[in-house]
């Protein structure tokens, strides 16, 4: 699965957020924080 912010391949699913009933996973805390501040921008990609 790819990080919705930076598009890197994510192997570890420890960093995740839920948005509109869908789970998103991230490669880093930084990408998760960026997503959490503006999920609408990244959720559709």
N, C-alpha and C. Protein backbone atom coordinates (compact mmCIF):
# COMPACT_ATOMS: atom_id res chain seq x y z
N UNK A 1 0.85 -1.18 0.00
CA UNK A 1 0.00 0.00 0.00
C UNK A 1 0.89 1.24 0.00
N UNK A 2 0.42 2.31 -0.62
CA UNK A 2 1.21 3.53 -0.71
C UNK A 2 0.71 4.60 0.25
N UNK A 3 1.65 5.36 0.76
CA UNK A 3 1.36 6.51 1.61
C UNK A 3 0.61 7.54 0.75
N UNK A 4 -0.55 8.03 1.20
CA UNK A 4 -1.31 8.97 0.38
C UNK A 4 -0.67 10.36 0.26
N UNK A 5 0.29 10.66 1.13
CA UNK A 5 0.93 11.98 1.11
C UNK A 5 2.15 11.97 0.19
N UNK A 6 3.10 11.07 0.42
CA UNK A 6 4.36 11.09 -0.33
C UNK A 6 4.45 10.01 -1.40
N UNK A 7 3.48 9.09 -1.41
CA UNK A 7 3.39 8.01 -2.40
C UNK A 7 4.43 6.91 -2.24
N UNK A 8 5.16 6.91 -1.13
CA UNK A 8 6.13 5.84 -0.88
C UNK A 8 5.39 4.56 -0.51
N UNK A 9 6.00 3.43 -0.82
CA UNK A 9 5.44 2.13 -0.44
C UNK A 9 5.55 1.98 1.07
N UNK A 10 4.47 1.55 1.72
CA UNK A 10 4.43 1.41 3.17
C UNK A 10 4.40 -0.08 3.51
N UNK A 11 5.38 -0.52 4.29
CA UNK A 11 5.46 -1.92 4.68
C UNK A 11 4.94 -2.13 6.10
N UNK A 12 5.08 -1.14 6.94
CA UNK A 12 4.67 -1.22 8.33
C UNK A 12 3.38 -0.43 8.51
N UNK A 13 2.34 -1.07 9.01
CA UNK A 13 1.05 -0.41 9.14
C UNK A 13 0.80 0.18 10.53
N UNK A 14 1.85 0.51 11.26
CA UNK A 14 1.70 1.07 12.61
C UNK A 14 1.15 2.49 12.61
N UNK A 15 1.48 3.27 11.61
CA UNK A 15 1.01 4.65 11.55
C UNK A 15 -0.22 4.70 10.65
N UNK A 16 -1.38 4.94 11.26
CA UNK A 16 -2.61 4.94 10.47
C UNK A 16 -3.60 5.96 10.99
N UNK A 17 -4.49 6.34 10.09
CA UNK A 17 -5.60 7.24 10.41
C UNK A 17 -6.84 6.71 9.72
N UNK A 18 -7.98 7.05 10.28
CA UNK A 18 -9.25 6.73 9.65
C UNK A 18 -9.86 8.04 9.16
N UNK A 19 -10.44 7.98 7.96
CA UNK A 19 -11.12 9.14 7.42
C UNK A 19 -12.30 8.66 6.59
N UNK A 20 -13.50 9.09 6.97
CA UNK A 20 -14.73 8.70 6.29
C UNK A 20 -14.84 7.18 6.16
N UNK A 21 -14.47 6.48 7.22
CA UNK A 21 -14.60 5.03 7.26
C UNK A 21 -13.53 4.25 6.53
N UNK A 22 -12.52 4.91 6.03
CA UNK A 22 -11.43 4.24 5.32
C UNK A 22 -10.13 4.40 6.08
N UNK A 23 -9.32 3.32 6.10
CA UNK A 23 -8.03 3.36 6.79
C UNK A 23 -6.94 3.81 5.83
N UNK A 24 -6.11 4.72 6.30
CA UNK A 24 -4.95 5.20 5.56
C UNK A 24 -3.71 4.90 6.38
N UNK A 25 -2.64 4.43 5.72
CA UNK A 25 -1.39 4.14 6.42
C UNK A 25 -0.28 5.04 5.87
N UNK A 26 0.73 5.26 6.73
CA UNK A 26 1.76 6.24 6.42
C UNK A 26 3.16 5.68 6.67
N UNK A 27 4.12 6.24 5.94
CA UNK A 27 5.51 5.80 6.06
C UNK A 27 6.22 6.50 7.21
N UNK A 28 5.68 7.64 7.65
CA UNK A 28 6.35 8.40 8.72
C UNK A 28 5.32 9.19 9.52
N UNK A 29 5.73 9.61 10.70
CA UNK A 29 4.88 10.45 11.55
C UNK A 29 4.60 11.77 10.82
N UNK A 30 5.59 12.28 10.13
CA UNK A 30 5.42 13.54 9.40
C UNK A 30 4.29 13.44 8.37
N UNK A 31 4.27 12.38 7.58
CA UNK A 31 3.21 12.21 6.58
C UNK A 31 1.85 12.05 7.25
N UNK A 32 1.80 11.34 8.37
CA UNK A 32 0.54 11.16 9.09
C UNK A 32 0.03 12.51 9.59
N UNK A 33 0.90 13.34 10.13
CA UNK A 33 0.51 14.65 10.63
C UNK A 33 0.01 15.56 9.50
N UNK A 34 0.67 15.50 8.36
CA UNK A 34 0.24 16.29 7.20
C UNK A 34 -1.16 15.85 6.77
N UNK A 35 -1.37 14.54 6.69
CA UNK A 35 -2.68 14.02 6.31
C UNK A 35 -3.74 14.43 7.31
N UNK A 36 -3.45 14.28 8.59
CA UNK A 36 -4.44 14.58 9.64
C UNK A 36 -4.86 16.05 9.65
N UNK A 37 -3.98 16.94 9.22
CA UNK A 37 -4.31 18.36 9.18
C UNK A 37 -5.24 18.70 8.02
N UNK A 38 -5.19 17.91 6.94
CA UNK A 38 -6.00 18.21 5.75
C UNK A 38 -6.30 16.91 5.00
N UNK A 39 -7.07 16.00 5.60
CA UNK A 39 -7.31 14.70 4.97
C UNK A 39 -8.03 14.78 3.63
N UNK A 40 -8.87 15.76 3.44
CA UNK A 40 -9.62 15.89 2.19
C UNK A 40 -8.69 16.04 0.99
N UNK A 41 -7.57 16.69 1.20
CA UNK A 41 -6.60 16.91 0.11
C UNK A 41 -5.98 15.60 -0.38
N UNK A 42 -5.79 14.65 0.52
CA UNK A 42 -5.07 13.42 0.18
C UNK A 42 -5.96 12.20 0.04
N UNK A 43 -7.13 12.22 0.60
CA UNK A 43 -7.98 11.03 0.63
C UNK A 43 -8.45 10.61 -0.76
N UNK A 44 -8.62 11.54 -1.65
CA UNK A 44 -9.12 11.20 -2.98
C UNK A 44 -8.07 10.74 -3.95
N UNK A 45 -6.82 10.76 -3.54
CA UNK A 45 -5.72 10.42 -4.46
C UNK A 45 -5.38 8.96 -4.40
